[in-house]
Amino acid sequence: MSAFPEGPSDRGSVTERTQLLYEEPLRGLHARLEAHGARVHGYRLDWRPSGSPHGATHCVEIPLLLGSEHAWRHAPMLGDLGWSEVDAVGRGMRAAWAAFARTGGPGPLPALLVALPR
């Protein structure tokens, strides 16, 4: 949400609006899924690439998971980071997603992934 300027109808800080629009509904979905027997894991990606005009924007995780340096070379959301740094950050995220696919649990989360409270 930090990528977007505040509008006249916005109330609260970026953190408060993020919690209201994303985290609270996800906690409700999490509880409903668990009530029906599902194993549920949630996290927030706290990664703000250096030099990015967008901060920790929606979809910033995509270059961490998919694509190549060539595919993302002009992406403003990656700021001024070199591809080696993007790839290094992505390795931790890919490992968590792969662990989830293999075992049903993400394993230890890298520092940029913050587990959502239940």
N, C-alpha and C. Protein backbone atom coordinates (compact mmCIF):
# COMPACT_ATOMS: atom_id res chain seq x y z
N MET A 1 0.82 -1.19 0.00
CA MET A 1 0.00 0.00 0.00
C MET A 1 0.87 1.26 0.00
N SER A 2 2.12 1.14 0.39
CA SER A 2 2.96 2.33 0.45
C SER A 2 3.29 2.87 -0.94
N ALA A 3 2.95 2.12 -1.98
CA ALA A 3 3.22 2.58 -3.34
C ALA A 3 2.24 3.65 -3.79
N PHE A 4 1.13 3.77 -3.09
CA PHE A 4 0.08 4.68 -3.53
C PHE A 4 -0.05 5.86 -2.59
N PRO A 5 -0.17 7.06 -3.12
CA PRO A 5 -0.35 8.22 -2.25
C PRO A 5 -1.71 8.17 -1.57
N GLU A 6 -1.77 8.80 -0.42
CA GLU A 6 -3.04 8.84 0.29
C GLU A 6 -4.04 9.68 -0.48
N GLY A 7 -5.26 9.19 -0.52
CA GLY A 7 -6.34 9.92 -1.17
C GLY A 7 -7.18 10.63 -0.14
N PRO A 8 -8.13 11.45 -0.57
CA PRO A 8 -8.95 12.22 0.37
C PRO A 8 -9.83 11.34 1.27
N SER A 9 -10.16 10.13 0.82
CA SER A 9 -11.02 9.28 1.64
C SER A 9 -10.23 8.29 2.49
N ASP A 10 -8.90 8.28 2.38
CA ASP A 10 -8.08 7.35 3.16
C ASP A 10 -8.06 7.76 4.62
N ARG A 11 -8.20 6.77 5.49
CA ARG A 11 -8.14 6.99 6.93
C ARG A 11 -7.08 6.08 7.52
N GLY A 12 -6.27 6.61 8.40
CA GLY A 12 -5.25 5.82 9.06
C GLY A 12 -3.94 5.79 8.28
N SER A 13 -2.95 5.24 8.93
CA SER A 13 -1.62 5.14 8.33
C SER A 13 -1.60 4.03 7.28
N VAL A 14 -0.52 3.95 6.52
CA VAL A 14 -0.35 2.88 5.55
C VAL A 14 -0.42 1.54 6.28
N THR A 15 0.21 1.44 7.44
CA THR A 15 0.18 0.19 8.21
C THR A 15 -1.25 -0.15 8.62
N GLU A 16 -1.99 0.82 9.10
CA GLU A 16 -3.38 0.57 9.51
C GLU A 16 -4.25 0.15 8.33
N ARG A 17 -4.07 0.81 7.20
CA ARG A 17 -4.88 0.46 6.02
C ARG A 17 -4.50 -0.92 5.49
N THR A 18 -3.21 -1.25 5.53
CA THR A 18 -2.77 -2.59 5.11
C THR A 18 -3.40 -3.65 6.00
N GLN A 19 -3.39 -3.41 7.29
CA GLN A 19 -4.01 -4.36 8.21
C GLN A 19 -5.50 -4.50 7.94
N LEU A 20 -6.18 -3.39 7.73
CA LEU A 20 -7.62 -3.41 7.49
C LEU A 20 -7.99 -4.10 6.18
N LEU A 21 -7.25 -3.80 5.11
CA LEU A 21 -7.61 -4.31 3.79
C LEU A 21 -7.08 -5.69 3.48
N TYR A 22 -5.96 -6.08 4.10
CA TYR A 22 -5.34 -7.35 3.76
C TYR A 22 -5.28 -8.32 4.95
N GLU A 23 -4.65 -7.90 6.04
CA GLU A 23 -4.39 -8.83 7.12
C GLU A 23 -5.66 -9.28 7.85
N GLU A 24 -6.56 -8.36 8.14
CA GLU A 24 -7.77 -8.77 8.86
C GLU A 24 -8.63 -9.73 8.05
N PRO A 25 -8.91 -9.45 6.77
CA PRO A 25 -9.69 -10.44 6.00
C PRO A 25 -8.96 -11.79 5.88
N LEU A 26 -7.64 -11.77 5.75
CA LEU A 26 -6.90 -13.03 5.66
C LEU A 26 -6.97 -13.82 6.96
N ARG A 27 -6.93 -13.13 8.11
CA ARG A 27 -7.08 -13.83 9.38
C ARG A 27 -8.45 -14.49 9.48
N GLY A 28 -9.48 -13.81 8.99
CA GLY A 28 -10.82 -14.40 8.99
C GLY A 28 -10.89 -15.63 8.10
N LEU A 29 -10.32 -15.53 6.90
CA LEU A 29 -10.28 -16.68 5.99
C LEU A 29 -9.48 -17.82 6.61
N HIS A 30 -8.37 -17.48 7.21
CA HIS A 30 -7.51 -18.45 7.90
C HIS A 30 -8.33 -19.21 8.94
N ALA A 31 -9.07 -18.50 9.78
CA ALA A 31 -9.88 -19.13 10.83
C ALA A 31 -10.96 -20.03 10.24
N ARG A 32 -11.62 -19.56 9.18
CA ARG A 32 -12.68 -20.37 8.56
C ARG A 32 -12.11 -21.65 7.95
N LEU A 33 -10.97 -21.54 7.29
CA LEU A 33 -10.35 -22.73 6.70
C LEU A 33 -9.92 -23.72 7.77
N GLU A 34 -9.30 -23.22 8.84
CA GLU A 34 -8.90 -24.11 9.93
C GLU A 34 -10.10 -24.77 10.58
N ALA A 35 -11.20 -24.04 10.70
CA ALA A 35 -12.41 -24.61 11.31
C ALA A 35 -12.93 -25.79 10.49
N HIS A 36 -12.58 -25.82 9.21
CA HIS A 36 -13.02 -26.92 8.35
C HIS A 36 -11.91 -27.95 8.13
N GLY A 37 -10.86 -27.88 8.95
CA GLY A 37 -9.82 -28.90 8.92
C GLY A 37 -8.61 -28.62 8.06
N ALA A 38 -8.53 -27.48 7.45
CA ALA A 38 -7.38 -27.17 6.60
C ALA A 38 -6.18 -26.75 7.44
N ARG A 39 -4.99 -27.07 6.95
CA ARG A 39 -3.76 -26.53 7.54
C ARG A 39 -3.46 -25.25 6.78
N VAL A 40 -3.32 -24.16 7.49
CA VAL A 40 -3.20 -22.85 6.85
C VAL A 40 -1.95 -22.14 7.34
N HIS A 41 -1.25 -21.50 6.40
CA HIS A 41 -0.07 -20.70 6.73
C HIS A 41 -0.22 -19.36 6.02
N GLY A 42 0.06 -18.29 6.71
CA GLY A 42 0.00 -16.97 6.11
C GLY A 42 1.25 -16.18 6.45
N TYR A 43 1.64 -15.31 5.54
CA TYR A 43 2.79 -14.45 5.80
C TYR A 43 2.60 -13.13 5.07
N ARG A 44 3.37 -12.17 5.51
CA ARG A 44 3.44 -10.86 4.85
C ARG A 44 4.87 -10.69 4.35
N LEU A 45 5.01 -10.27 3.12
CA LEU A 45 6.32 -10.01 2.55
C LEU A 45 6.73 -8.59 2.91
N ASP A 46 7.75 -8.46 3.74
CA ASP A 46 8.27 -7.14 4.13
C ASP A 46 9.58 -6.90 3.40
N TRP A 47 9.49 -6.55 2.14
CA TRP A 47 10.68 -6.30 1.34
C TRP A 47 10.47 -5.05 0.52
N ARG A 48 11.29 -4.07 0.77
CA ARG A 48 11.23 -2.81 0.04
C ARG A 48 12.56 -2.63 -0.69
N PRO A 49 12.59 -3.00 -1.97
CA PRO A 49 13.85 -2.91 -2.70
C PRO A 49 14.42 -1.49 -2.69
N SER A 50 15.72 -1.40 -2.46
CA SER A 50 16.41 -0.12 -2.45
C SER A 50 16.19 0.61 -3.77
N GLY A 51 15.82 1.87 -3.68
CA GLY A 51 15.63 2.70 -4.86
C GLY A 51 14.29 2.52 -5.55
N SER A 52 13.43 1.66 -5.02
CA SER A 52 12.12 1.46 -5.63
C SER A 52 11.19 2.61 -5.26
N PRO A 53 10.49 3.18 -6.22
CA PRO A 53 9.53 4.23 -5.89
C PRO A 53 8.24 3.66 -5.29
N HIS A 54 8.13 2.34 -5.24
CA HIS A 54 6.88 1.70 -4.82
C HIS A 54 6.91 1.05 -3.46
N GLY A 55 8.04 0.84 -2.86
CA GLY A 55 8.09 0.18 -1.56
C GLY A 55 7.71 -1.29 -1.68
N ALA A 56 7.09 -1.82 -0.64
CA ALA A 56 6.69 -3.23 -0.61
C ALA A 56 5.32 -3.35 -1.28
N THR A 57 5.30 -3.20 -2.57
CA THR A 57 4.05 -3.13 -3.31
C THR A 57 3.48 -4.51 -3.62
N HIS A 58 2.21 -4.52 -3.95
CA HIS A 58 1.55 -5.73 -4.40
C HIS A 58 2.31 -6.30 -5.60
N CYS A 59 2.53 -7.56 -5.64
CA CYS A 59 3.18 -8.34 -6.70
C CYS A 59 4.70 -8.23 -6.71
N VAL A 60 5.31 -7.58 -5.72
CA VAL A 60 6.77 -7.50 -5.69
C VAL A 60 7.40 -8.89 -5.50
N GLU A 61 6.60 -9.86 -5.05
CA GLU A 61 7.12 -11.21 -4.87
C GLU A 61 7.33 -11.96 -6.20
N ILE A 62 6.67 -11.52 -7.26
CA ILE A 62 6.73 -12.27 -8.52
C ILE A 62 8.16 -12.39 -9.05
N PRO A 63 8.96 -11.32 -9.12
CA PRO A 63 10.34 -11.53 -9.60
C PRO A 63 11.18 -12.37 -8.66
N LEU A 64 10.77 -12.49 -7.40
CA LEU A 64 11.50 -13.35 -6.47
C LEU A 64 11.24 -14.82 -6.75
N LEU A 65 10.13 -15.10 -7.42
CA LEU A 65 9.73 -16.48 -7.69
C LEU A 65 9.92 -16.90 -9.13
N LEU A 66 9.65 -16.00 -10.05
CA LEU A 66 9.58 -16.36 -11.47
C LEU A 66 10.38 -15.40 -12.33
N GLY A 67 10.83 -15.90 -13.45
CA GLY A 67 11.45 -15.03 -14.43
C GLY A 67 12.97 -14.99 -14.32
N SER A 68 13.51 -14.09 -15.07
CA SER A 68 14.96 -13.97 -15.18
C SER A 68 15.37 -12.51 -15.13
N GLU A 69 16.65 -12.30 -15.07
CA GLU A 69 17.17 -10.93 -15.09
C GLU A 69 16.66 -10.19 -16.32
N HIS A 70 16.66 -10.85 -17.45
CA HIS A 70 16.20 -10.22 -18.69
C HIS A 70 14.72 -9.83 -18.58
N ALA A 71 13.91 -10.70 -18.01
CA ALA A 71 12.47 -10.43 -17.91
C ALA A 71 12.16 -9.25 -17.01
N TRP A 72 12.97 -9.03 -15.97
CA TRP A 72 12.67 -8.01 -14.96
C TRP A 72 13.61 -6.81 -15.03
N ARG A 73 14.44 -6.70 -16.04
CA ARG A 73 15.48 -5.67 -16.07
C ARG A 73 14.95 -4.25 -16.04
N HIS A 74 13.73 -4.00 -16.47
CA HIS A 74 13.19 -2.64 -16.48
C HIS A 74 12.06 -2.45 -15.46
N ALA A 75 11.93 -3.34 -14.50
CA ALA A 75 10.83 -3.27 -13.52
C ALA A 75 11.13 -2.21 -12.46
N PRO A 76 10.38 -1.11 -12.44
CA PRO A 76 10.67 -0.06 -11.44
C PRO A 76 10.48 -0.53 -10.01
N MET A 77 9.65 -1.56 -9.79
CA MET A 77 9.43 -2.03 -8.42
C MET A 77 10.68 -2.65 -7.80
N LEU A 78 11.67 -3.00 -8.65
CA LEU A 78 12.92 -3.57 -8.13
C LEU A 78 13.96 -2.50 -7.83
N GLY A 79 13.64 -1.25 -8.10
CA GLY A 79 14.54 -0.16 -7.77
C GLY A 79 15.89 -0.28 -8.46
N ASP A 80 16.93 -0.04 -7.68
CA ASP A 80 18.27 -0.06 -8.26
C ASP A 80 19.06 -1.32 -7.87
N LEU A 81 18.37 -2.36 -7.45
CA LEU A 81 19.05 -3.59 -7.07
C LEU A 81 19.62 -4.32 -8.28
N GLY A 82 20.76 -4.93 -8.09
CA GLY A 82 21.30 -5.81 -9.12
C GLY A 82 20.58 -7.15 -9.06
N TRP A 83 20.61 -7.87 -10.17
CA TRP A 83 19.88 -9.14 -10.21
C TRP A 83 20.41 -10.13 -9.18
N SER A 84 21.69 -10.11 -8.88
CA SER A 84 22.22 -11.07 -7.90
C SER A 84 21.55 -10.88 -6.54
N GLU A 85 21.25 -9.64 -6.17
CA GLU A 85 20.57 -9.39 -4.89
C GLU A 85 19.11 -9.84 -4.96
N VAL A 86 18.43 -9.55 -6.06
CA VAL A 86 17.05 -10.00 -6.24
C VAL A 86 17.00 -11.53 -6.14
N ASP A 87 17.92 -12.19 -6.83
CA ASP A 87 17.95 -13.65 -6.82
C ASP A 87 18.26 -14.19 -5.43
N ALA A 88 19.17 -13.55 -4.71
CA ALA A 88 19.50 -14.00 -3.35
C ALA A 88 18.29 -13.90 -2.43
N VAL A 89 17.55 -12.80 -2.50
CA VAL A 89 16.32 -12.65 -1.70
C VAL A 89 15.31 -13.70 -2.13
N GLY A 90 15.21 -13.91 -3.43
CA GLY A 90 14.25 -14.88 -3.96
C GLY A 90 14.54 -16.31 -3.55
N ARG A 91 15.81 -16.66 -3.34
CA ARG A 91 16.14 -18.03 -2.93
C ARG A 91 15.44 -18.43 -1.64
N GLY A 92 15.40 -17.52 -0.67
CA GLY A 92 14.72 -17.81 0.59
C GLY A 92 13.22 -18.00 0.40
N MET A 93 12.64 -17.16 -0.44
CA MET A 93 11.21 -17.27 -0.69
C MET A 93 10.89 -18.55 -1.46
N ARG A 94 11.69 -18.85 -2.47
CA ARG A 94 11.47 -20.09 -3.23
C ARG A 94 11.63 -21.31 -2.35
N ALA A 95 12.57 -21.27 -1.41
CA ALA A 95 12.76 -22.40 -0.50
C ALA A 95 11.53 -22.59 0.39
N ALA A 96 10.96 -21.50 0.89
CA ALA A 96 9.75 -21.60 1.72
C ALA A 96 8.59 -22.17 0.91
N TRP A 97 8.41 -21.68 -0.31
CA TRP A 97 7.31 -22.18 -1.14
C TRP A 97 7.54 -23.65 -1.50
N ALA A 98 8.78 -24.03 -1.80
CA ALA A 98 9.07 -25.43 -2.14
C ALA A 98 8.83 -26.34 -0.94
N ALA A 99 9.23 -25.90 0.25
CA ALA A 99 8.98 -26.68 1.46
C ALA A 99 7.49 -26.87 1.67
N PHE A 100 6.72 -25.82 1.44
CA PHE A 100 5.27 -25.92 1.58
C PHE A 100 4.71 -26.95 0.60
N ALA A 101 5.17 -26.91 -0.64
CA ALA A 101 4.69 -27.86 -1.65
C ALA A 101 5.06 -29.30 -1.28
N ARG A 102 6.26 -29.49 -0.73
CA ARG A 102 6.71 -30.83 -0.37
C ARG A 102 6.04 -31.36 0.89
N THR A 103 5.88 -30.50 1.91
CA THR A 103 5.53 -30.99 3.25
C THR A 103 4.21 -30.44 3.79
N GLY A 104 3.67 -29.41 3.18
CA GLY A 104 2.48 -28.77 3.73
C GLY A 104 2.79 -27.67 4.73
N GLY A 105 4.07 -27.46 5.01
CA GLY A 105 4.50 -26.38 5.91
C GLY A 105 5.66 -25.64 5.28
N PRO A 106 5.77 -24.33 5.53
CA PRO A 106 6.82 -23.55 4.86
C PRO A 106 8.21 -23.72 5.46
N GLY A 107 8.32 -24.40 6.59
CA GLY A 107 9.62 -24.49 7.26
C GLY A 107 10.00 -23.14 7.82
N PRO A 108 11.27 -22.96 8.17
CA PRO A 108 11.70 -21.66 8.71
C PRO A 108 11.54 -20.59 7.63
N LEU A 109 10.93 -19.48 7.99
CA LEU A 109 10.73 -18.39 7.04
C LEU A 109 11.94 -17.48 7.01
N PRO A 110 12.35 -17.04 5.81
CA PRO A 110 13.42 -16.04 5.75
C PRO A 110 12.94 -14.74 6.40
N ALA A 111 13.85 -13.89 6.78
CA ALA A 111 13.51 -12.67 7.53
C ALA A 111 12.51 -11.78 6.80
N LEU A 112 12.50 -11.78 5.48
CA LEU A 112 11.59 -10.89 4.76
C LEU A 112 10.15 -11.38 4.76
N LEU A 113 9.91 -12.63 5.19
CA LEU A 113 8.56 -13.16 5.31
C LEU A 113 8.16 -13.18 6.78
N VAL A 114 7.13 -12.44 7.11
CA VAL A 114 6.66 -12.34 8.50
C VAL A 114 5.38 -13.15 8.62
N ALA A 115 5.39 -14.18 9.47
CA ALA A 115 4.20 -15.01 9.66
C ALA A 115 3.07 -14.14 10.20
N LEU A 116 1.88 -14.34 9.64
CA LEU A 116 0.72 -13.58 10.11
C LEU A 116 0.22 -14.19 11.40
N PRO A 117 -0.16 -13.35 12.36
CA PRO A 117 -0.69 -13.89 13.61
C PRO A 117 -2.03 -14.58 13.36
N ARG A 118 -2.29 -15.58 14.16
CA ARG A 118 -3.55 -16.32 14.02
C ARG A 118 -4.62 -15.69 14.83
